[in-house]
Amino acid sequence: MSLELTLGIIALFGMAAIGTPVAFSILMGVIVYLGVAGQDIAIAGETMVQRLFDGFLLLAVPLFIVSANIMNAGSISDRLLNFCVAVVGRFRGGMGHVNVVASLIFSGMSGSAVADAAGIGKIIIDMMVKSGKYTRGYAAAITAATATIGPIIPPSIPMVIYALVSGASIADLFLGGIIPGLLMGLVLMGMNTFISHRRNFGAEEPVPLRQLPRLTVQATPALLMPFILLFCLYSGITTPTEAAAIAALYALIIAAGLYRTIRIKTLYEIFVESARSAASVGLVIGASMILTYIVIQENIPQALSASLEDVDLSPLVFLILINILVLLLGCVLDATVIILVIVPLFIPTCEALGIDLVHFGVLVVVNSMIGLITPPYGILLFVINAVTGIPLKEIISEVWVFLGVLILALLLMILLPEIVLWLPRVFGYQG
């Protein structure tokens, strides 16, 4: 490792340690590297602008953010919750099941774990606590755990970013995330059932079955979102970015035209909030692109790939080791940073070992999401603490069991690649 790279890394982690936002920490590390190396610091700005302008795919990120915010602002969340309560609320631990099913459905609209937790998650926590059947900590913990499903089932902002750095097909990644997302929901519902019987959590008042068709019709427009998105991608009608634009337009038509719950003033606020969120993600992406330029210049991927090949690791052992690393990093780093900075280092090794990049990408995204609820620094734990005021101590004490079953689901995905790859192959994927 060169002197300039060492000093750049020290500057990066030093700035992050004192609370500097990740994007600015990366930029400081890059400036230190370029300065010590005697290179023109203007390279940083030139590289960022050039790669952002070349990245047409990146336009999908703000469009998905707009789509999620429109869905949150409309009455769509209420309609989805009524549908979920009618379907699974009648079972023991019913609101816990509603929490999981609502996240499975909402993930098909938002593509963001934080949007899921701060939006529909807050509503469900209030419902669970007010019912008097669940503790605050349990309601918050299961909400944090279910929010991790958000970026697994399409649309998925992390998968868009992974496609950018790996060259994998977004459509195949989206399809590859569907069964893993359902598996995560299944294990969380299984754990909720187990705990509900042990703690004697009650069921909700059953909604008459004759009301189910009406509630289903009300929720159907929102339920169609992921199917429309996948149809646009796999039919070849649109590019991924154009599909994201269609998703945002569809969300606007539902909320403003069909349900009539969004006014011009509300729409302005949605666009402003979406712009802020997209700008913060864009800063991280831009800074990471400069960091990628330095990584390539230092020949780090090639050196890392060569050293791993010398060790003669099997693909399975490599996957397990990388997933342990990503799980640990996920406790302290955002998924975007992991995918943009860490993952590209291992892409050449994956290709050399014959590891499918769609399988690898879904594993990385799932793993990064699990990191969001891993104590003590899981970001989702802090998000739920901020929006509900429930103490972190209560949330952390309850989240461990859900963390355990999610890691078990991840292990199954590692050992059985068909969990990820079966659906893409049904639609013609040759990987």
Protein backbone atom coordinates (compact mmCIF):
# COMPACT_ATOMS: atom_id res chain seq x y z
CA MET A 1 0.00 0.00 0.00
CA SER A 2 1.46 3.35 -1.06
CA LEU A 3 2.04 6.25 1.33
CA GLU A 4 -0.57 8.43 -0.38
CA LEU A 5 -3.20 5.71 -0.16
CA THR A 6 -2.43 5.09 3.51
CA LEU A 7 -2.77 8.78 4.34
CA GLY A 8 -5.97 9.02 2.28
CA ILE A 9 -7.54 6.12 4.20
CA ILE A 10 -6.48 7.64 7.53
CA ALA A 11 -8.09 10.95 6.50
CA LEU A 12 -11.28 9.19 5.36
CA PHE A 13 -11.80 7.20 8.55
CA GLY A 14 -10.58 10.07 10.73
CA MET A 15 -13.23 12.40 9.32
CA ALA A 16 -15.91 9.73 9.63
CA ALA A 17 -14.91 9.10 13.26
CA ILE A 18 -15.64 12.71 14.23
CA GLY A 19 -19.08 12.58 12.65
CA THR A 20 -18.44 14.01 9.18
CA PRO A 21 -21.00 12.79 6.62
CA VAL A 22 -19.74 9.82 4.61
CA ALA A 23 -19.63 11.64 1.26
CA PHE A 24 -17.47 14.46 2.64
CA SER A 25 -15.24 11.98 4.48
CA ILE A 26 -14.58 10.16 1.19
CA LEU A 27 -13.89 13.45 -0.60
CA MET A 28 -11.40 14.48 2.08
CA GLY A 29 -9.61 11.15 1.77
CA VAL A 30 -9.46 11.58 -2.02
CA ILE A 31 -8.10 15.14 -1.75
CA VAL A 32 -5.38 13.98 0.66
CA TYR A 33 -4.46 11.12 -1.70
CA LEU A 34 -4.26 13.37 -4.77
CA GLY A 35 -2.35 16.06 -2.89
CA VAL A 36 0.29 13.69 -1.50
CA ALA A 37 0.59 11.93 -4.88
CA GLY A 38 1.25 15.26 -6.56
CA GLN A 39 -1.79 14.98 -8.82
CA ASP A 40 -4.17 17.79 -9.74
CA ILE A 41 -6.99 17.94 -7.18
CA ALA A 42 -9.32 19.02 -10.00
CA ILE A 43 -9.25 15.35 -11.10
CA ALA A 44 -11.72 14.69 -8.27
CA GLY A 45 -14.35 17.08 -9.63
CA GLU A 46 -13.74 16.06 -13.23
CA THR A 47 -14.09 12.35 -12.44
CA MET A 48 -17.25 12.87 -10.39
CA VAL A 49 -19.01 14.95 -13.03
CA GLN A 50 -17.92 12.75 -15.92
CA ARG A 51 -19.04 9.49 -14.33
CA LEU A 52 -22.30 10.91 -13.05
CA PHE A 53 -23.15 12.21 -16.53
CA ASP A 54 -22.24 8.84 -18.05
CA GLY A 55 -24.41 7.02 -15.51
CA PHE A 56 -27.87 7.22 -17.15
CA LEU A 57 -28.80 4.26 -14.96
CA LEU A 58 -28.38 6.45 -11.86
CA LEU A 59 -31.46 8.47 -12.80
CA ALA A 60 -33.49 5.49 -11.59
CA VAL A 61 -32.48 6.28 -7.99
CA PRO A 62 -34.23 9.69 -7.60
CA LEU A 63 -37.21 8.40 -9.57
CA PHE A 64 -37.70 5.49 -7.16
CA ILE A 65 -37.33 7.93 -4.24
CA VAL A 66 -40.07 10.15 -5.70
CA SER A 67 -42.27 7.11 -6.21
CA ALA A 68 -41.86 6.02 -2.57
CA ASN A 69 -42.55 9.50 -1.21
CA ILE A 70 -45.71 9.85 -3.30
CA MET A 71 -46.94 6.48 -2.01
CA ASN A 72 -46.21 7.56 1.56
CA ALA A 73 -48.02 10.89 1.21
CA GLY A 74 -51.17 9.42 -0.30
CA SER A 75 -53.71 7.29 1.53
CA ILE A 76 -52.16 4.19 -0.03
CA SER A 77 -50.56 3.08 3.24
CA ASP A 78 -53.95 3.05 4.99
CA ARG A 79 -55.53 0.95 2.24
CA LEU A 80 -52.66 -1.53 2.33
CA LEU A 81 -52.89 -1.84 6.11
CA ASN A 82 -56.64 -2.48 5.99
CA PHE A 83 -56.01 -5.22 3.43
CA CYS A 84 -53.23 -6.81 5.52
CA VAL A 85 -55.30 -6.74 8.72
CA ALA A 86 -58.14 -8.47 6.90
CA VAL A 87 -55.85 -11.20 5.55
CA VAL A 88 -53.54 -12.07 8.48
CA GLY A 89 -54.75 -10.06 11.50
CA ARG A 90 -57.10 -12.86 12.58
CA PHE A 91 -54.17 -15.14 13.60
CA ARG A 92 -52.34 -15.10 16.96
CA GLY A 93 -49.80 -12.29 16.96
CA GLY A 94 -51.86 -10.81 14.14
CA MET A 95 -50.41 -7.29 14.13
CA GLY A 96 -46.92 -8.76 13.95
CA HIS A 97 -48.00 -10.67 10.83
CA VAL A 98 -49.59 -7.49 9.48
CA ASN A 99 -46.25 -5.77 10.03
CA VAL A 100 -44.42 -8.37 7.91
CA VAL A 101 -47.01 -8.59 5.12
CA ALA A 102 -47.32 -4.80 4.90
CA SER A 103 -43.55 -4.51 4.50
CA LEU A 104 -43.58 -7.19 1.79
CA ILE A 105 -46.19 -5.21 -0.13
CA PHE A 106 -44.79 -1.76 0.60
CA SER A 107 -41.32 -2.90 -0.50
CA GLY A 108 -42.78 -3.30 -3.97
CA MET A 109 -43.27 0.47 -4.03
CA SER A 110 -40.46 2.09 -2.06
CA GLY A 111 -37.22 0.16 -2.63
CA SER A 112 -35.90 1.72 0.58
CA ALA A 113 -35.64 0.22 4.07
CA VAL A 114 -35.58 3.65 5.71
CA ALA A 115 -38.71 4.76 3.79
CA ASP A 116 -40.45 1.57 4.91
CA ALA A 117 -39.49 2.02 8.58
CA ALA A 118 -40.22 5.74 8.78
CA GLY A 119 -43.43 5.56 6.74
CA ILE A 120 -45.76 2.61 7.14
CA GLY A 121 -43.57 1.19 9.96
CA LYS A 122 -44.35 4.08 12.29
CA ILE A 123 -48.09 3.64 11.69
CA ILE A 124 -47.96 -0.07 12.53
CA ILE A 125 -45.89 0.50 15.69
CA ASP A 126 -48.53 2.93 16.94
CA MET A 127 -51.28 0.39 16.17
CA MET A 128 -49.42 -2.42 17.95
CA VAL A 129 -48.66 -0.36 21.06
CA LYS A 130 -52.18 1.13 21.32
CA SER A 131 -53.72 -2.35 21.12
CA GLY A 132 -52.10 -3.10 24.51
CA LYS A 133 -51.03 -6.57 23.34
CA TYR A 134 -47.39 -5.80 22.50
CA THR A 135 -44.53 -4.07 24.27
CA ARG A 136 -43.01 -0.97 22.66
CA GLY A 137 -39.68 -2.71 22.20
CA TYR A 138 -41.20 -5.72 20.44
CA ALA A 139 -43.29 -3.56 18.10
CA ALA A 140 -40.23 -1.49 17.18
CA ALA A 141 -37.94 -4.52 16.78
CA ILE A 142 -40.20 -6.45 14.41
CA THR A 143 -40.80 -3.26 12.42
CA ALA A 144 -37.04 -2.73 12.02
CA ALA A 145 -36.60 -6.37 10.98
CA THR A 146 -39.41 -6.29 8.41
CA ALA A 147 -38.14 -3.01 6.93
CA THR A 148 -35.01 -4.86 5.77
CA ILE A 149 -37.18 -6.55 3.12
CA GLY A 150 -37.77 -3.19 1.40
CA PRO A 151 -34.70 -3.18 -0.88
CA ILE A 152 -34.88 -6.93 -1.60
CA ILE A 153 -38.22 -7.12 -3.42
CA PRO A 154 -38.27 -4.84 -6.52
CA PRO A 155 -37.89 -1.97 -6.97
CA SER A 156 -34.59 -1.75 -5.13
CA ILE A 157 -32.27 1.25 -5.00
CA PRO A 158 -29.26 -0.80 -3.71
CA MET A 159 -29.69 -3.27 -6.59
CA VAL A 160 -29.67 -0.40 -9.09
CA ILE A 161 -26.38 0.78 -7.60
CA TYR A 162 -24.96 -2.77 -7.61
CA ALA A 163 -25.90 -3.12 -11.29
CA LEU A 164 -23.93 0.07 -11.94
CA VAL A 165 -20.70 -1.29 -10.42
CA SER A 166 -21.00 -4.91 -11.56
CA GLY A 167 -22.64 -4.73 -14.98
CA ALA A 168 -25.30 -7.26 -13.91
CA SER A 169 -28.80 -6.93 -15.34
CA ILE A 170 -31.21 -4.92 -13.19
CA ALA A 171 -34.14 -7.01 -14.39
CA ASP A 172 -32.40 -10.24 -13.32
CA LEU A 173 -31.42 -8.71 -9.97
CA PHE A 174 -35.01 -7.59 -9.36
CA LEU A 175 -36.34 -11.05 -10.17
CA GLY A 176 -33.59 -12.65 -8.07
CA GLY A 177 -34.71 -10.65 -5.03
CA ILE A 178 -38.36 -11.79 -5.02
CA ILE A 179 -37.98 -15.27 -3.51
CA PRO A 180 -35.29 -14.18 -0.97
CA GLY A 181 -37.62 -11.35 0.10
CA LEU A 182 -40.50 -13.78 0.55
CA LEU A 183 -38.18 -16.15 2.46
CA MET A 184 -37.21 -13.32 4.82
CA GLY A 185 -40.88 -12.54 5.38
CA LEU A 186 -41.63 -16.21 6.04
CA VAL A 187 -38.92 -16.64 8.71
CA LEU A 188 -39.98 -13.40 10.40
CA MET A 189 -43.61 -14.52 10.51
CA GLY A 190 -42.48 -17.89 11.86
CA MET A 191 -40.54 -16.21 14.68
CA ASN A 192 -43.47 -13.87 15.38
CA THR A 193 -45.79 -16.90 15.66
CA PHE A 194 -43.39 -18.65 18.04
CA ILE A 195 -43.00 -15.59 20.29
CA SER A 196 -46.74 -14.82 20.17
CA HIS A 197 -47.57 -18.28 21.54
CA ARG A 198 -44.89 -18.04 24.24
CA ARG A 199 -46.00 -14.57 25.37
CA ASN A 200 -49.70 -15.14 24.71
CA PHE A 201 -50.07 -12.25 22.26
CA GLY A 202 -53.69 -12.07 21.13
CA ALA A 203 -55.21 -11.97 17.67
CA GLU A 204 -57.03 -8.99 16.19
CA GLU A 205 -60.78 -8.86 15.79
CA PRO A 206 -61.42 -10.86 12.59
CA VAL A 207 -62.55 -8.78 9.63
CA PRO A 208 -65.64 -10.40 8.07
CA LEU A 209 -64.65 -12.35 4.97
CA ARG A 210 -67.39 -10.63 2.96
CA GLN A 211 -65.37 -7.38 3.29
CA LEU A 212 -62.19 -8.93 1.88
CA PRO A 213 -63.09 -8.45 -1.83
CA ARG A 214 -63.76 -4.73 -1.26
CA LEU A 215 -60.50 -4.25 0.66
CA THR A 216 -58.60 -6.19 -2.00
CA VAL A 217 -60.00 -3.98 -4.78
CA GLN A 218 -58.96 -0.85 -2.84
CA ALA A 219 -55.40 -2.16 -2.43
CA THR A 220 -55.04 -3.61 -5.94
CA PRO A 221 -53.62 -0.48 -7.66
CA ALA A 222 -50.77 -0.39 -5.16
CA LEU A 223 -50.26 -4.17 -5.35
CA LEU A 224 -49.78 -3.90 -9.13
CA MET A 225 -46.70 -1.65 -8.88
CA PRO A 226 -43.95 -4.35 -8.84
CA PHE A 227 -45.68 -6.34 -11.59
CA ILE A 228 -45.87 -3.30 -13.88
CA LEU A 229 -42.23 -2.54 -13.16
CA LEU A 230 -41.03 -6.07 -13.97
CA PHE A 231 -43.22 -6.23 -17.08
CA CYS A 232 -41.67 -3.01 -18.40
CA LEU A 233 -38.16 -4.35 -17.79
CA TYR A 234 -38.55 -7.89 -19.07
CA SER A 235 -40.73 -7.08 -22.07
CA GLY A 236 -38.00 -4.80 -23.39
CA ILE A 237 -40.44 -1.89 -23.62
CA THR A 238 -38.29 0.34 -21.41
CA THR A 239 -34.83 0.73 -20.00
CA PRO A 240 -34.46 0.46 -16.18
CA THR A 241 -34.42 4.25 -15.86
CA GLU A 242 -37.54 4.61 -17.99
CA ALA A 243 -39.23 1.90 -15.89
CA ALA A 244 -38.42 3.95 -12.77
CA ALA A 245 -40.03 7.00 -14.41
CA ILE A 246 -43.13 4.94 -15.18
CA ALA A 247 -43.23 3.79 -11.52
CA ALA A 248 -43.14 7.41 -10.33
CA LEU A 249 -45.84 8.44 -12.82
CA TYR A 250 -47.99 5.46 -11.85
CA ALA A 251 -47.67 6.37 -8.16
CA LEU A 252 -48.72 9.94 -8.96
CA ILE A 253 -51.72 8.79 -11.01
CA ILE A 254 -52.89 6.51 -8.19
CA ALA A 255 -52.42 9.04 -5.38
CA ALA A 256 -53.59 12.19 -7.16
CA GLY A 257 -55.97 10.87 -9.81
CA LEU A 258 -57.52 7.69 -8.39
CA TYR A 259 -57.48 8.29 -4.63
CA ARG A 260 -57.39 12.14 -4.82
CA THR A 261 -55.23 12.43 -1.70
CA ILE A 262 -52.42 14.68 -2.99
CA ARG A 263 -52.73 18.41 -3.67
CA ILE A 264 -50.31 20.73 -5.48
CA LYS A 265 -48.80 21.97 -2.19
CA THR A 266 -48.26 18.39 -1.01
CA LEU A 267 -46.68 17.48 -4.33
CA TYR A 268 -44.24 20.39 -4.01
CA GLU A 269 -43.22 19.17 -0.55
CA ILE A 270 -42.77 15.63 -1.91
CA PHE A 271 -40.48 16.87 -4.69
CA VAL A 272 -38.41 18.96 -2.27
CA GLU A 273 -37.98 16.03 0.15
CA SER A 274 -37.17 13.68 -2.73
CA ALA A 275 -34.57 16.11 -4.07
CA ARG A 276 -32.89 16.26 -0.67
CA SER A 277 -32.81 12.48 -0.35
CA ALA A 278 -31.58 12.02 -3.92
CA ALA A 279 -28.89 14.67 -3.42
CA SER A 280 -27.53 12.94 -0.32
CA VAL A 281 -27.40 9.60 -2.17
CA GLY A 282 -25.89 11.31 -5.22
CA LEU A 283 -23.11 12.85 -3.14
CA VAL A 284 -22.15 9.44 -1.78
CA ILE A 285 -22.26 7.91 -5.26
CA GLY A 286 -20.18 10.72 -6.78
CA ALA A 287 -17.57 10.59 -4.01
CA SER A 288 -17.40 6.81 -4.27
CA MET A 289 -16.78 7.06 -8.01
CA ILE A 290 -13.68 9.13 -7.35
CA LEU A 291 -12.59 6.61 -4.75
CA THR A 292 -13.11 3.87 -7.33
CA TYR A 293 -10.79 5.78 -9.69
CA ILE A 294 -8.08 5.70 -7.00
CA VAL A 295 -8.68 2.01 -6.24
CA ILE A 296 -8.24 1.16 -9.93
CA GLN A 297 -5.14 3.34 -10.17
CA GLU A 298 -3.62 1.47 -7.23
CA ASN A 299 -4.45 -1.91 -8.88
CA ILE A 300 -6.16 -3.05 -5.68
CA PRO A 301 -8.81 -5.32 -7.28
CA GLN A 302 -6.19 -7.21 -9.28
CA ALA A 303 -3.87 -7.58 -6.29
CA LEU A 304 -6.72 -8.72 -4.06
CA SER A 305 -7.99 -11.19 -6.66
CA ALA A 306 -4.49 -12.61 -7.17
CA SER A 307 -3.91 -13.05 -3.43
CA LEU A 308 -7.24 -14.83 -2.97
CA GLU A 309 -6.53 -17.12 -5.92
CA ASP A 310 -3.17 -18.01 -4.37
CA VAL A 311 -5.00 -19.13 -1.22
CA ASP A 312 -7.09 -21.45 -3.44
CA LEU A 313 -10.46 -20.74 -1.82
CA SER A 314 -13.52 -22.60 -3.00
CA PRO A 315 -16.44 -20.44 -4.22
CA LEU A 316 -18.53 -21.42 -1.15
CA VAL A 317 -15.80 -20.51 1.36
CA PHE A 318 -15.20 -17.23 -0.49
CA LEU A 319 -18.91 -16.37 -0.35
CA ILE A 320 -19.12 -17.15 3.36
CA LEU A 321 -16.03 -15.04 4.16
CA ILE A 322 -17.25 -12.08 2.08
CA ASN A 323 -20.70 -12.25 3.66
CA ILE A 324 -19.18 -12.22 7.14
CA LEU A 325 -17.18 -9.14 6.11
CA VAL A 326 -20.23 -7.37 4.65
CA LEU A 327 -22.30 -8.24 7.72
CA LEU A 328 -19.69 -6.66 9.99
CA LEU A 329 -19.32 -3.60 7.74
CA GLY A 330 -23.10 -3.28 7.56
CA CYS A 331 -23.15 -2.53 11.29
CA VAL A 332 -21.31 0.75 10.73
CA LEU A 333 -21.58 1.61 7.01
CA ASP A 334 -24.51 2.45 4.78
CA ALA A 335 -25.41 -0.14 2.13
CA THR A 336 -24.66 2.39 -0.63
CA VAL A 337 -21.11 2.84 0.61
CA ILE A 338 -20.56 -0.93 0.92
CA ILE A 339 -21.80 -1.56 -2.62
CA LEU A 340 -19.90 1.33 -4.19
CA VAL A 341 -16.61 1.08 -2.32
CA ILE A 342 -16.16 -2.47 -1.00
CA VAL A 343 -18.02 -4.73 -3.43
CA PRO A 344 -16.14 -3.69 -6.63
CA LEU A 345 -12.95 -5.03 -5.03
CA PHE A 346 -14.37 -8.55 -5.11
CA ILE A 347 -16.11 -8.58 -8.51
CA PRO A 348 -12.96 -9.81 -10.38
CA THR A 349 -12.54 -12.65 -7.87
CA CYS A 350 -16.20 -13.63 -8.24
CA GLU A 351 -15.74 -13.84 -11.99
CA ALA A 352 -12.51 -15.85 -11.60
CA LEU A 353 -14.20 -18.32 -9.22
CA GLY A 354 -17.27 -18.68 -11.43
CA ILE A 355 -19.64 -17.09 -8.89
CA ASP A 356 -22.80 -15.76 -10.52
CA LEU A 357 -22.92 -11.95 -10.22
CA VAL A 358 -26.72 -11.88 -9.79
CA HIS A 359 -26.46 -14.37 -6.90
CA PHE A 360 -23.58 -12.40 -5.40
CA GLY A 361 -25.43 -9.08 -5.77
CA VAL A 362 -28.60 -10.28 -4.06
CA LEU A 363 -26.52 -11.76 -1.21
CA VAL A 364 -24.69 -8.45 -0.75
CA VAL A 365 -27.92 -6.44 -0.67
CA VAL A 366 -29.60 -8.88 1.76
CA ASN A 367 -26.52 -8.84 3.96
CA SER A 368 -26.29 -5.05 3.93
CA MET A 369 -29.93 -4.83 4.97
CA ILE A 370 -29.36 -7.22 7.89
CA GLY A 371 -26.54 -4.92 8.96
CA LEU A 372 -29.08 -2.10 9.28
CA ILE A 373 -30.61 -3.80 12.36
CA THR A 374 -27.38 -5.16 13.86
CA PRO A 375 -26.69 -3.55 17.26
CA PRO A 376 -25.26 -1.27 18.40
CA TYR A 377 -25.01 0.90 15.26
CA GLY A 378 -27.77 -0.42 12.99
CA ILE A 379 -29.19 2.60 11.16
CA LEU A 380 -32.78 1.34 11.23
CA LEU A 381 -32.65 1.09 15.01
CA PHE A 382 -31.84 4.81 15.17
CA VAL A 383 -34.47 5.69 12.54
CA ILE A 384 -37.24 3.98 14.52
CA ASN A 385 -35.96 5.48 17.75
CA ALA A 386 -36.12 8.93 16.11
CA VAL A 387 -39.64 8.62 14.66
CA THR A 388 -41.26 6.90 17.66
CA GLY A 389 -39.23 7.95 20.71
CA ILE A 390 -38.94 4.33 21.87
CA PRO A 391 -35.61 3.94 23.74
CA LEU A 392 -32.85 2.12 21.88
CA LYS A 393 -32.33 -0.21 24.84
CA GLU A 394 -35.88 -1.58 24.49
CA ILE A 395 -35.52 -2.04 20.72
CA ILE A 396 -32.13 -3.77 20.91
CA SER A 397 -33.24 -6.19 23.63
CA GLU A 398 -35.99 -7.51 21.32
CA VAL A 399 -34.28 -7.40 17.92
CA TRP A 400 -31.80 -10.28 18.45
CA VAL A 401 -34.23 -13.10 17.67
CA PHE A 402 -35.25 -11.49 14.39
CA LEU A 403 -31.62 -10.84 13.52
CA GLY A 404 -30.90 -14.53 14.10
CA VAL A 405 -33.60 -15.84 11.73
CA LEU A 406 -32.61 -13.34 9.03
CA ILE A 407 -29.00 -14.57 9.19
CA LEU A 408 -30.34 -18.12 8.92
CA ALA A 409 -32.26 -17.11 5.77
CA LEU A 410 -29.08 -15.54 4.38
CA LEU A 411 -27.17 -18.77 5.01
CA LEU A 412 -29.81 -20.71 3.06
CA MET A 413 -29.38 -18.28 0.15
CA ILE A 414 -25.61 -18.86 0.20
CA LEU A 415 -25.89 -22.65 0.33
CA LEU A 416 -28.78 -22.90 -2.15
CA PRO A 417 -28.14 -20.42 -5.02
CA GLU A 418 -31.37 -21.53 -6.73
CA ILE A 419 -33.31 -19.55 -4.11
CA VAL A 420 -31.96 -16.47 -5.88
CA LEU A 421 -31.44 -17.74 -9.43
CA TRP A 422 -34.50 -19.92 -10.08
CA LEU A 423 -36.91 -17.11 -10.99
CA PRO A 424 -34.46 -15.23 -13.28
CA ARG A 425 -33.74 -18.53 -15.08
CA VAL A 426 -37.45 -19.15 -15.57
CA PHE A 427 -37.50 -15.87 -17.50
CA GLY A 428 -34.48 -16.77 -19.62
CA TYR A 429 -31.44 -15.78 -17.55
CA GLN A 430 -28.45 -17.85 -18.66
CA GLY A 431 -26.16 -17.29 -15.65
